[in-house]
Amino acid sequence: MISHVIWDVGDTLTTLPPEGMDIKPLDQYKEITLRDDVEKILEEVNYLGYTQAILSNTAISNSKALQNMLENLGIARFFSFVYATQSELDHQKPEKPDQEAFDIVFQALNIQPGEAVMVGNTWDTDIIGANHCGMHAIWLQNPSVSFRKIASSMVQHPPWIIPVWDVACIPNALKWLKTVENR
C-alpha cells in the first residue's frame, strides 16, 4: 500500500537555477521560486495521509543546502526526509535513475519501493528510475518542464506511470492509485 510520496525538486516543485543546475548551493539562489500551487498541493497530499520526502539530483548542493532552500521557500515542514545526490558533476556518485539513489531514500524512510510513488518531470531519471525500482510514478508532463531524452526506455507494468499536466492534478492521481491498489 502506498504511504509515501517522494518528490523531485527542480522543475517539479520549484523553478531551476538560472544556470539550469546548481553551480552554487541551492539555498543561495534568490531566483528559485515555487511553481504555482505547490504549497497548496503539498498541504493536500499531507491531508490525504501521505508521508512526503525529497530525492533530487543536484550538482554541488548537499542535502542540508536543499533543506535550507526548502525552508527559505516555506515548504520544508512537509518533508520527513530530504536527499540531494550531489552527482550531476560527479558521475561516480549514485543519482536517479540508479537504484542506489532510490535505496538511500527507502532505507531512510524504512519502506519498500511499492510503498512509495515518485513525482517528477524527467522521464529518464525520475520516472524510469522509479519504475525500474518497483515504484509507481506520476510524470509531470507540463510542456515547459517535462523532459524525455530516451524514448526507448522499457517500462515495467505494474508499477503504474500516471501522466499529469499540472502539479494540481497530483492529489487526484494519488487517489486513483489508491483505488487501483484496493482492487
N, C-alpha and C. Protein backbone atom coordinates (compact mmCIF):
# COMPACT_ATOMS: atom_id res chain seq x y z
N MET A 1 0.84 -1.19 0.00
CA MET A 1 0.00 0.00 0.00
C MET A 1 0.89 1.25 0.00
N ILE A 2 0.52 2.22 -0.80
CA ILE A 2 1.33 3.44 -0.91
C ILE A 2 1.10 4.32 0.32
N SER A 3 2.19 4.66 0.98
CA SER A 3 2.12 5.51 2.17
C SER A 3 3.01 6.74 2.05
N HIS A 4 3.87 6.76 1.01
CA HIS A 4 4.86 7.83 0.87
C HIS A 4 4.84 8.41 -0.55
N VAL A 5 5.04 9.72 -0.62
CA VAL A 5 5.22 10.40 -1.90
C VAL A 5 6.62 11.00 -1.88
N ILE A 6 7.41 10.62 -2.87
CA ILE A 6 8.79 11.11 -2.98
C ILE A 6 8.82 12.07 -4.17
N TRP A 7 9.21 13.30 -3.90
CA TRP A 7 9.18 14.37 -4.89
C TRP A 7 10.58 14.65 -5.44
N ASP A 8 10.64 14.94 -6.73
CA ASP A 8 11.78 15.61 -7.33
C ASP A 8 11.61 17.09 -6.97
N VAL A 9 12.66 17.89 -7.11
CA VAL A 9 12.54 19.31 -6.75
C VAL A 9 12.55 20.20 -7.99
N GLY A 10 13.68 20.28 -8.69
CA GLY A 10 13.84 21.23 -9.78
C GLY A 10 12.89 20.99 -10.93
N ASP A 11 12.09 21.98 -11.26
CA ASP A 11 11.08 21.95 -12.31
C ASP A 11 9.91 21.03 -11.98
N THR A 12 9.87 20.51 -10.76
CA THR A 12 8.70 19.79 -10.28
C THR A 12 8.03 20.64 -9.21
N LEU A 13 8.76 20.93 -8.13
CA LEU A 13 8.25 21.80 -7.07
C LEU A 13 8.70 23.24 -7.24
N THR A 14 9.89 23.44 -7.78
CA THR A 14 10.47 24.78 -7.91
C THR A 14 10.93 25.05 -9.33
N THR A 15 11.25 26.31 -9.58
CA THR A 15 11.92 26.66 -10.82
C THR A 15 13.39 26.24 -10.69
N LEU A 16 14.09 26.23 -11.80
CA LEU A 16 15.51 25.87 -11.80
C LEU A 16 16.38 27.10 -11.52
N PRO A 17 17.62 26.86 -11.09
CA PRO A 17 18.56 27.98 -11.02
C PRO A 17 18.77 28.55 -12.43
N PRO A 18 19.18 29.80 -12.54
CA PRO A 18 19.36 30.42 -13.87
C PRO A 18 20.30 29.63 -14.78
N GLU A 19 21.29 28.96 -14.20
CA GLU A 19 22.26 28.20 -15.00
C GLU A 19 21.73 26.82 -15.39
N GLY A 20 20.55 26.44 -14.91
CA GLY A 20 19.98 25.13 -15.21
C GLY A 20 20.33 24.08 -14.17
N MET A 21 21.44 24.25 -13.51
CA MET A 21 21.83 23.38 -12.41
C MET A 21 22.49 24.22 -11.34
N ASP A 22 22.65 23.66 -10.18
CA ASP A 22 23.20 24.41 -9.05
C ASP A 22 24.73 24.47 -9.14
N ILE A 23 25.24 25.63 -9.54
CA ILE A 23 26.69 25.82 -9.55
C ILE A 23 27.15 26.49 -8.26
N LYS A 24 26.20 26.83 -7.41
CA LYS A 24 26.45 27.25 -6.03
C LYS A 24 25.36 26.58 -5.20
N PRO A 25 25.49 26.53 -3.88
CA PRO A 25 24.47 25.85 -3.07
C PRO A 25 23.07 26.41 -3.34
N LEU A 26 22.10 25.51 -3.42
CA LEU A 26 20.73 25.90 -3.75
C LEU A 26 20.15 26.96 -2.83
N ASP A 27 20.54 26.96 -1.57
CA ASP A 27 19.98 27.94 -0.64
C ASP A 27 20.51 29.35 -0.86
N GLN A 28 21.45 29.51 -1.79
CA GLN A 28 21.98 30.84 -2.12
C GLN A 28 21.30 31.48 -3.33
N TYR A 29 20.39 30.75 -3.96
CA TYR A 29 19.68 31.28 -5.13
C TYR A 29 18.41 31.99 -4.70
N LYS A 30 18.36 33.28 -4.91
CA LYS A 30 17.13 34.05 -4.65
C LYS A 30 16.15 33.92 -5.82
N GLU A 31 16.65 33.50 -6.99
CA GLU A 31 15.83 33.41 -8.20
C GLU A 31 14.91 32.19 -8.20
N ILE A 32 15.22 31.16 -7.40
CA ILE A 32 14.40 29.95 -7.38
C ILE A 32 13.11 30.24 -6.63
N THR A 33 11.99 29.88 -7.27
CA THR A 33 10.68 30.10 -6.66
C THR A 33 9.88 28.80 -6.74
N LEU A 34 8.81 28.76 -5.96
CA LEU A 34 7.89 27.63 -6.05
C LEU A 34 7.09 27.71 -7.33
N ARG A 35 6.79 26.57 -7.91
CA ARG A 35 5.86 26.54 -9.04
C ARG A 35 4.47 26.84 -8.52
N ASP A 36 3.59 27.25 -9.38
CA ASP A 36 2.22 27.61 -9.00
C ASP A 36 1.55 26.49 -8.21
N ASP A 37 0.89 26.85 -7.13
CA ASP A 37 0.05 25.97 -6.32
C ASP A 37 0.79 24.88 -5.55
N VAL A 38 2.11 24.89 -5.54
CA VAL A 38 2.86 23.82 -4.89
C VAL A 38 2.54 23.71 -3.40
N GLU A 39 2.54 24.81 -2.68
CA GLU A 39 2.27 24.73 -1.24
C GLU A 39 0.88 24.15 -0.97
N LYS A 40 -0.09 24.57 -1.74
CA LYS A 40 -1.46 24.06 -1.59
C LYS A 40 -1.52 22.56 -1.86
N ILE A 41 -0.81 22.10 -2.88
CA ILE A 41 -0.80 20.68 -3.24
C ILE A 41 -0.08 19.86 -2.17
N LEU A 42 1.02 20.37 -1.64
CA LEU A 42 1.72 19.66 -0.56
C LEU A 42 0.83 19.53 0.66
N GLU A 43 0.06 20.58 0.95
CA GLU A 43 -0.91 20.53 2.06
C GLU A 43 -1.94 19.43 1.81
N GLU A 44 -2.45 19.37 0.57
CA GLU A 44 -3.47 18.39 0.24
C GLU A 44 -2.93 16.97 0.32
N VAL A 45 -1.72 16.75 -0.19
CA VAL A 45 -1.09 15.43 -0.12
C VAL A 45 -0.87 15.03 1.34
N ASN A 46 -0.47 15.99 2.14
CA ASN A 46 -0.32 15.75 3.58
C ASN A 46 -1.67 15.38 4.20
N TYR A 47 -2.72 16.11 3.85
CA TYR A 47 -4.07 15.85 4.35
C TYR A 47 -4.55 14.45 3.96
N LEU A 48 -4.15 13.99 2.77
CA LEU A 48 -4.53 12.65 2.31
C LEU A 48 -3.82 11.55 3.11
N GLY A 49 -2.87 11.93 3.96
CA GLY A 49 -2.22 10.98 4.85
C GLY A 49 -0.89 10.44 4.38
N TYR A 50 -0.32 11.00 3.35
CA TYR A 50 0.96 10.52 2.85
C TYR A 50 2.13 11.19 3.57
N THR A 51 3.18 10.42 3.82
CA THR A 51 4.44 10.96 4.29
C THR A 51 5.19 11.40 3.04
N GLN A 52 5.79 12.59 3.07
CA GLN A 52 6.45 13.13 1.89
C GLN A 52 7.95 13.25 2.11
N ALA A 53 8.69 13.03 1.03
CA ALA A 53 10.15 13.12 1.07
C ALA A 53 10.64 13.69 -0.25
N ILE A 54 11.92 13.99 -0.28
CA ILE A 54 12.56 14.56 -1.48
C ILE A 54 13.73 13.67 -1.90
N LEU A 55 13.83 13.43 -3.22
CA LEU A 55 15.01 12.83 -3.84
C LEU A 55 15.31 13.67 -5.06
N SER A 56 16.41 14.41 -5.00
CA SER A 56 16.73 15.35 -6.07
C SER A 56 18.17 15.18 -6.54
N ASN A 57 18.36 15.04 -7.85
CA ASN A 57 19.71 15.08 -8.40
C ASN A 57 20.19 16.53 -8.34
N THR A 58 21.35 16.74 -7.76
CA THR A 58 21.93 18.07 -7.68
C THR A 58 23.37 18.02 -8.17
N ALA A 59 23.92 19.18 -8.47
CA ALA A 59 25.32 19.25 -8.92
C ALA A 59 26.24 19.36 -7.70
N ILE A 60 26.14 20.48 -6.98
CA ILE A 60 27.05 20.67 -5.84
C ILE A 60 26.32 20.75 -4.51
N SER A 61 25.03 20.93 -4.53
CA SER A 61 24.27 21.11 -3.28
C SER A 61 24.10 19.80 -2.53
N ASN A 62 24.43 19.85 -1.23
CA ASN A 62 24.18 18.69 -0.39
C ASN A 62 22.76 18.76 0.17
N SER A 63 22.39 17.75 0.92
CA SER A 63 21.03 17.68 1.46
C SER A 63 20.71 18.85 2.38
N LYS A 64 21.70 19.33 3.12
CA LYS A 64 21.48 20.47 4.03
C LYS A 64 21.16 21.74 3.23
N ALA A 65 21.88 21.99 2.15
CA ALA A 65 21.59 23.17 1.32
C ALA A 65 20.20 23.07 0.71
N LEU A 66 19.82 21.86 0.28
CA LEU A 66 18.48 21.67 -0.27
C LEU A 66 17.42 21.88 0.81
N GLN A 67 17.66 21.34 2.01
CA GLN A 67 16.74 21.54 3.13
C GLN A 67 16.60 23.03 3.44
N ASN A 68 17.72 23.75 3.46
CA ASN A 68 17.68 25.20 3.72
C ASN A 68 16.88 25.94 2.65
N MET A 69 17.04 25.55 1.38
CA MET A 69 16.27 26.17 0.31
C MET A 69 14.78 25.94 0.53
N LEU A 70 14.41 24.71 0.89
CA LEU A 70 13.00 24.40 1.15
C LEU A 70 12.48 25.21 2.33
N GLU A 71 13.30 25.43 3.35
CA GLU A 71 12.92 26.28 4.48
C GLU A 71 12.72 27.72 4.02
N ASN A 72 13.64 28.22 3.20
CA ASN A 72 13.51 29.58 2.67
C ASN A 72 12.24 29.76 1.86
N LEU A 73 11.81 28.71 1.18
CA LEU A 73 10.60 28.76 0.37
C LEU A 73 9.33 28.47 1.18
N GLY A 74 9.51 28.10 2.45
CA GLY A 74 8.37 27.87 3.34
C GLY A 74 7.70 26.52 3.21
N ILE A 75 8.41 25.51 2.64
CA ILE A 75 7.76 24.21 2.47
C ILE A 75 8.52 23.06 3.13
N ALA A 76 9.59 23.31 3.83
CA ALA A 76 10.39 22.24 4.45
C ALA A 76 9.57 21.38 5.40
N ARG A 77 8.59 21.97 6.05
CA ARG A 77 7.79 21.25 7.05
C ARG A 77 7.05 20.05 6.48
N PHE A 78 6.88 19.99 5.18
CA PHE A 78 6.13 18.90 4.56
C PHE A 78 6.95 17.61 4.41
N PHE A 79 8.27 17.70 4.55
CA PHE A 79 9.12 16.57 4.17
C PHE A 79 9.81 15.93 5.37
N SER A 80 9.64 14.62 5.48
CA SER A 80 10.26 13.89 6.59
C SER A 80 11.70 13.53 6.28
N PHE A 81 12.10 13.57 5.01
CA PHE A 81 13.47 13.26 4.62
C PHE A 81 13.77 14.00 3.33
N VAL A 82 14.98 14.56 3.25
CA VAL A 82 15.44 15.29 2.07
C VAL A 82 16.80 14.75 1.68
N TYR A 83 16.93 14.32 0.42
CA TYR A 83 18.21 13.80 -0.06
C TYR A 83 18.59 14.44 -1.39
N ALA A 84 19.76 15.08 -1.41
CA ALA A 84 20.34 15.66 -2.62
C ALA A 84 21.54 14.81 -3.01
N THR A 85 21.64 14.41 -4.26
CA THR A 85 22.65 13.44 -4.69
C THR A 85 24.06 14.01 -4.86
N GLN A 86 24.19 15.30 -5.14
CA GLN A 86 25.48 15.92 -5.45
C GLN A 86 26.22 15.14 -6.55
N SER A 87 25.50 14.74 -7.59
CA SER A 87 26.05 13.82 -8.58
C SER A 87 26.12 14.35 -10.01
N GLU A 88 25.48 15.47 -10.29
CA GLU A 88 25.41 15.91 -11.68
C GLU A 88 26.77 16.29 -12.27
N LEU A 89 27.74 16.60 -11.43
CA LEU A 89 29.09 16.89 -11.90
C LEU A 89 30.08 15.79 -11.53
N ASP A 90 29.64 14.82 -10.74
CA ASP A 90 30.48 13.71 -10.30
C ASP A 90 29.70 12.42 -10.52
N HIS A 91 29.89 11.82 -11.68
CA HIS A 91 29.10 10.65 -12.04
C HIS A 91 29.55 9.37 -11.34
N GLN A 92 30.50 9.50 -10.41
CA GLN A 92 30.85 8.36 -9.56
C GLN A 92 29.83 8.19 -8.44
N LYS A 93 29.05 9.24 -8.16
CA LYS A 93 28.05 9.21 -7.10
C LYS A 93 26.72 8.71 -7.69
N PRO A 94 25.97 7.94 -6.90
CA PRO A 94 24.67 7.46 -7.41
C PRO A 94 23.67 8.61 -7.56
N GLU A 95 22.90 8.56 -8.62
CA GLU A 95 21.86 9.55 -8.88
C GLU A 95 20.69 8.86 -9.55
N LYS A 96 19.52 9.50 -9.51
CA LYS A 96 18.40 8.97 -10.27
C LYS A 96 18.83 8.88 -11.73
N PRO A 97 18.66 7.81 -12.40
CA PRO A 97 17.77 6.69 -12.17
C PRO A 97 18.40 5.49 -11.45
N ASP A 98 19.60 5.61 -10.91
CA ASP A 98 20.26 4.48 -10.25
C ASP A 98 19.47 3.97 -9.05
N GLN A 99 19.32 2.67 -8.97
CA GLN A 99 18.63 2.04 -7.85
C GLN A 99 19.23 2.49 -6.52
N GLU A 100 20.54 2.65 -6.47
CA GLU A 100 21.22 3.03 -5.22
C GLU A 100 20.71 4.35 -4.65
N ALA A 101 20.44 5.33 -5.51
CA ALA A 101 19.93 6.62 -5.04
C ALA A 101 18.54 6.44 -4.42
N PHE A 102 17.70 5.65 -5.06
CA PHE A 102 16.37 5.38 -4.51
C PHE A 102 16.47 4.60 -3.20
N ASP A 103 17.41 3.64 -3.16
CA ASP A 103 17.57 2.81 -1.95
C ASP A 103 17.94 3.65 -0.73
N ILE A 104 18.72 4.71 -0.92
CA ILE A 104 19.07 5.60 0.19
C ILE A 104 17.80 6.17 0.82
N VAL A 105 16.87 6.57 -0.01
CA VAL A 105 15.61 7.13 0.49
C VAL A 105 14.74 6.04 1.12
N PHE A 106 14.64 4.89 0.46
CA PHE A 106 13.84 3.79 1.02
C PHE A 106 14.35 3.41 2.41
N GLN A 107 15.67 3.30 2.56
CA GLN A 107 16.24 2.92 3.85
C GLN A 107 15.99 3.98 4.90
N ALA A 108 16.15 5.24 4.53
CA ALA A 108 15.92 6.33 5.50
C ALA A 108 14.47 6.36 5.97
N LEU A 109 13.54 6.04 5.07
CA LEU A 109 12.11 6.06 5.40
C LEU A 109 11.62 4.71 5.94
N ASN A 110 12.50 3.69 5.87
CA ASN A 110 12.16 2.34 6.31
C ASN A 110 10.93 1.80 5.57
N ILE A 111 10.99 1.91 4.23
CA ILE A 111 9.88 1.45 3.38
C ILE A 111 10.43 0.59 2.24
N GLN A 112 9.53 -0.12 1.59
CA GLN A 112 9.82 -0.87 0.38
C GLN A 112 9.38 -0.02 -0.82
N PRO A 113 9.94 -0.26 -2.02
CA PRO A 113 9.57 0.54 -3.19
C PRO A 113 8.07 0.61 -3.47
N GLY A 114 7.34 -0.47 -3.25
CA GLY A 114 5.92 -0.49 -3.52
C GLY A 114 5.09 0.36 -2.56
N GLU A 115 5.74 0.89 -1.52
CA GLU A 115 5.04 1.74 -0.57
C GLU A 115 5.16 3.23 -0.92
N ALA A 116 5.77 3.53 -2.07
CA ALA A 116 6.01 4.93 -2.43
C ALA A 116 5.66 5.18 -3.89
N VAL A 117 5.41 6.45 -4.16
CA VAL A 117 5.21 6.91 -5.54
C VAL A 117 6.17 8.08 -5.74
N MET A 118 6.82 8.09 -6.89
CA MET A 118 7.75 9.17 -7.26
C MET A 118 7.00 10.19 -8.09
N VAL A 119 7.18 11.48 -7.79
CA VAL A 119 6.60 12.55 -8.58
C VAL A 119 7.75 13.35 -9.17
N GLY A 120 7.81 13.42 -10.50
CA GLY A 120 8.89 14.17 -11.14
C GLY A 120 8.55 14.53 -12.57
N ASN A 121 9.42 15.32 -13.16
CA ASN A 121 9.20 15.83 -14.51
C ASN A 121 10.11 15.21 -15.57
N THR A 122 11.10 14.44 -15.15
CA THR A 122 12.06 13.92 -16.12
C THR A 122 11.89 12.41 -16.31
N TRP A 123 11.51 12.04 -17.52
CA TRP A 123 11.24 10.64 -17.85
C TRP A 123 12.45 9.76 -17.53
N ASP A 124 13.63 10.15 -18.00
CA ASP A 124 14.82 9.31 -17.92
C ASP A 124 15.29 9.05 -16.50
N THR A 125 15.13 10.01 -15.62
CA THR A 125 15.66 9.85 -14.27
C THR A 125 14.55 9.59 -13.26
N ASP A 126 13.58 10.47 -13.17
CA ASP A 126 12.52 10.34 -12.17
C ASP A 126 11.61 9.14 -12.45
N ILE A 127 11.11 9.06 -13.65
CA ILE A 127 10.04 8.11 -13.97
C ILE A 127 10.60 6.72 -14.26
N ILE A 128 11.55 6.60 -15.15
CA ILE A 128 12.14 5.28 -15.44
C ILE A 128 12.90 4.76 -14.22
N GLY A 129 13.60 5.63 -13.51
CA GLY A 129 14.29 5.18 -12.29
C GLY A 129 13.32 4.60 -11.28
N ALA A 130 12.22 5.30 -11.04
CA ALA A 130 11.21 4.80 -10.09
C ALA A 130 10.60 3.50 -10.60
N ASN A 131 10.25 3.46 -11.87
CA ASN A 131 9.63 2.28 -12.46
C ASN A 131 10.53 1.05 -12.31
N HIS A 132 11.80 1.21 -12.60
CA HIS A 132 12.72 0.08 -12.53
C HIS A 132 13.02 -0.34 -11.09
N CYS A 133 12.74 0.54 -10.13
CA CYS A 133 12.88 0.19 -8.70
C CYS A 133 11.64 -0.50 -8.17
N GLY A 134 10.56 -0.47 -8.92
CA GLY A 134 9.31 -1.07 -8.46
C GLY A 134 8.35 -0.07 -7.83
N MET A 135 8.59 1.21 -8.07
CA MET A 135 7.72 2.27 -7.55
C MET A 135 6.74 2.73 -8.62
N HIS A 136 5.55 3.14 -8.19
CA HIS A 136 4.67 3.86 -9.09
C HIS A 136 5.27 5.24 -9.31
N ALA A 137 4.85 5.92 -10.39
CA ALA A 137 5.38 7.25 -10.67
C ALA A 137 4.28 8.13 -11.25
N ILE A 138 4.36 9.40 -10.92
CA ILE A 138 3.49 10.41 -11.51
C ILE A 138 4.40 11.35 -12.29
N TRP A 139 4.18 11.35 -13.61
CA TRP A 139 5.03 12.12 -14.52
C TRP A 139 4.39 13.46 -14.82
N LEU A 140 4.99 14.52 -14.30
CA LEU A 140 4.53 15.88 -14.55
C LEU A 140 4.92 16.24 -15.97
N GLN A 141 3.93 16.28 -16.87
CA GLN A 141 4.18 16.46 -18.29
C GLN A 141 3.94 17.86 -18.80
N ASN A 142 3.88 18.82 -17.93
CA ASN A 142 3.73 20.20 -18.38
C ASN A 142 4.82 20.45 -19.44
N PRO A 143 4.44 20.86 -20.65
CA PRO A 143 5.43 21.01 -21.72
C PRO A 143 6.61 21.90 -21.37
N SER A 144 6.43 22.83 -20.45
CA SER A 144 7.55 23.71 -20.12
C SER A 144 8.54 23.07 -19.14
N VAL A 145 8.18 21.93 -18.54
CA VAL A 145 9.10 21.31 -17.57
C VAL A 145 9.37 19.83 -17.82
N SER A 146 8.64 19.19 -18.70
CA SER A 146 8.78 17.76 -18.91
C SER A 146 9.96 17.45 -19.83
N PHE A 147 10.74 16.45 -19.43
CA PHE A 147 11.91 16.06 -20.22
C PHE A 147 11.89 14.57 -20.49
N ARG A 148 12.14 14.20 -21.76
CA ARG A 148 12.26 12.80 -22.15
C ARG A 148 13.29 12.72 -23.25
N LYS A 149 14.49 12.28 -22.90
CA LYS A 149 15.56 12.18 -23.88
C LYS A 149 15.59 10.80 -24.53
N ILE A 150 15.33 9.76 -23.73
CA ILE A 150 15.44 8.39 -24.21
C ILE A 150 14.04 7.81 -24.36
N ALA A 151 13.51 7.89 -25.56
CA ALA A 151 12.13 7.44 -25.80
C ALA A 151 12.01 5.93 -25.78
N SER A 152 13.12 5.21 -25.90
CA SER A 152 13.06 3.75 -25.98
C SER A 152 13.16 3.07 -24.62
N SER A 153 13.20 3.80 -23.54
CA SER A 153 13.31 3.19 -22.21
C SER A 153 12.16 2.23 -21.97
N MET A 154 12.50 1.01 -21.59
CA MET A 154 11.48 -0.01 -21.35
C MET A 154 10.80 0.24 -20.01
N VAL A 155 9.49 0.09 -20.00
CA VAL A 155 8.67 0.32 -18.81
C VAL A 155 8.13 -1.01 -18.33
N GLN A 156 8.12 -1.20 -17.02
CA GLN A 156 7.55 -2.40 -16.41
C GLN A 156 6.14 -2.07 -15.92
N HIS A 157 5.21 -3.02 -16.07
CA HIS A 157 3.84 -2.81 -15.57
C HIS A 157 3.44 -4.01 -14.73
N PRO A 158 2.81 -3.85 -13.57
CA PRO A 158 2.96 -2.67 -12.76
C PRO A 158 4.41 -2.52 -12.32
N PRO A 159 4.83 -1.48 -11.78
CA PRO A 159 4.11 -0.34 -11.25
C PRO A 159 3.57 0.57 -12.35
N TRP A 160 2.67 1.45 -11.94
CA TRP A 160 1.99 2.34 -12.86
C TRP A 160 2.74 3.65 -13.03
N ILE A 161 2.62 4.20 -14.23
CA ILE A 161 3.11 5.55 -14.54
C ILE A 161 1.88 6.36 -14.94
N ILE A 162 1.63 7.43 -14.19
CA ILE A 162 0.46 8.26 -14.45
C ILE A 162 0.94 9.62 -14.95
N PRO A 163 0.61 9.98 -16.19
CA PRO A 163 0.96 11.32 -16.67
C PRO A 163 -0.05 12.35 -16.18
N VAL A 164 0.44 13.49 -15.73
CA VAL A 164 -0.41 14.62 -15.37
C VAL A 164 0.15 15.87 -16.03
N TRP A 165 -0.71 16.86 -16.23
CA TRP A 165 -0.29 18.08 -16.92
C TRP A 165 0.05 19.21 -15.97
N ASP A 166 -0.31 19.07 -14.72
CA ASP A 166 -0.07 20.16 -13.78
C ASP A 166 0.08 19.57 -12.39
N VAL A 167 0.85 20.22 -11.55
CA VAL A 167 1.04 19.76 -10.19
C VAL A 167 -0.30 19.66 -9.44
N ALA A 168 -1.27 20.46 -9.82
CA ALA A 168 -2.59 20.44 -9.18
C ALA A 168 -3.32 19.11 -9.41
N CYS A 169 -2.91 18.33 -10.41
CA CYS A 169 -3.55 17.04 -10.71
C CYS A 169 -3.02 15.90 -9.84
N ILE A 170 -1.95 16.13 -9.10
CA ILE A 170 -1.29 15.05 -8.37
C ILE A 170 -2.18 14.43 -7.29
N PRO A 171 -2.91 15.19 -6.48
CA PRO A 171 -3.78 14.53 -5.49
C PRO A 171 -4.79 13.56 -6.13
N ASN A 172 -5.36 13.92 -7.26
CA ASN A 172 -6.29 13.01 -7.93
C ASN A 172 -5.58 11.76 -8.45
N ALA A 173 -4.35 11.91 -8.93
CA ALA A 173 -3.58 10.76 -9.37
C ALA A 173 -3.30 9.82 -8.19
N LEU A 174 -3.01 10.39 -7.03
CA LEU A 174 -2.79 9.56 -5.83
C LEU A 174 -4.07 8.84 -5.43
N LYS A 175 -5.20 9.51 -5.54
CA LYS A 175 -6.49 8.87 -5.22
C LYS A 175 -6.76 7.72 -6.20
N TRP A 176 -6.44 7.92 -7.47
CA TRP A 176 -6.63 6.87 -8.47
C TRP A 176 -5.75 5.67 -8.14
N LEU A 177 -4.48 5.91 -7.79
CA LEU A 177 -3.59 4.81 -7.42
C LEU A 177 -4.13 4.02 -6.23
N LYS A 178 -4.68 4.72 -5.25
CA LYS A 178 -5.26 4.06 -4.08
C LYS A 178 -6.42 3.17 -4.50
N THR A 179 -7.25 3.64 -5.42
CA THR A 179 -8.38 2.86 -5.93
C THR A 179 -7.87 1.59 -6.63
N VAL A 180 -6.85 1.72 -7.46
CA VAL A 180 -6.29 0.58 -8.18
C VAL A 180 -5.69 -0.42 -7.20
N GLU A 181 -4.99 0.07 -6.19
CA GLU A 181 -4.39 -0.83 -5.20
C GLU A 181 -5.43 -1.64 -4.44
N ASN A 182 -6.59 -1.05 -4.20
CA ASN A 182 -7.63 -1.70 -3.41
C ASN A 182 -8.47 -2.70 -4.18
N ARG A 183 -8.17 -2.88 -5.46
CA ARG A 183 -8.93 -3.85 -6.28
C ARG A 183 -8.41 -5.24 -6.08
